Amino acid sequence: MTSLRGLDGITFDVTYLAQQISAHNKAIVLFKSYSQAVNSPDESVRQFADQTLPVMQKHLQMALDQQKSLGNSSSGSK
């Protein structure tokens, strides 16, 4: 988050979304591994991953849509 300090406007938005997209991609990979773990020592972890994964994927798609929207609006304002 320190990389967001001092940024404003479209620069802040673009940087923030890039960070969110990266974080969501990493989290999805991690949660998929937990979700697909056959011999999980804790079944509740696998269940939590199963339930949470669709929410994360939805959030990622929302961030990607917003990023696309920002790209279109920033190119249109030049």
Foldseek 3Di string as FASTA:
>chain_A
DVVLPPDDDLVNLLVVLVVLLVVLVVVLVVLVCLLPDPPDPDVVSNVVSVVCNVVSVVVNVVSVVVNVVSVVVVVVVD
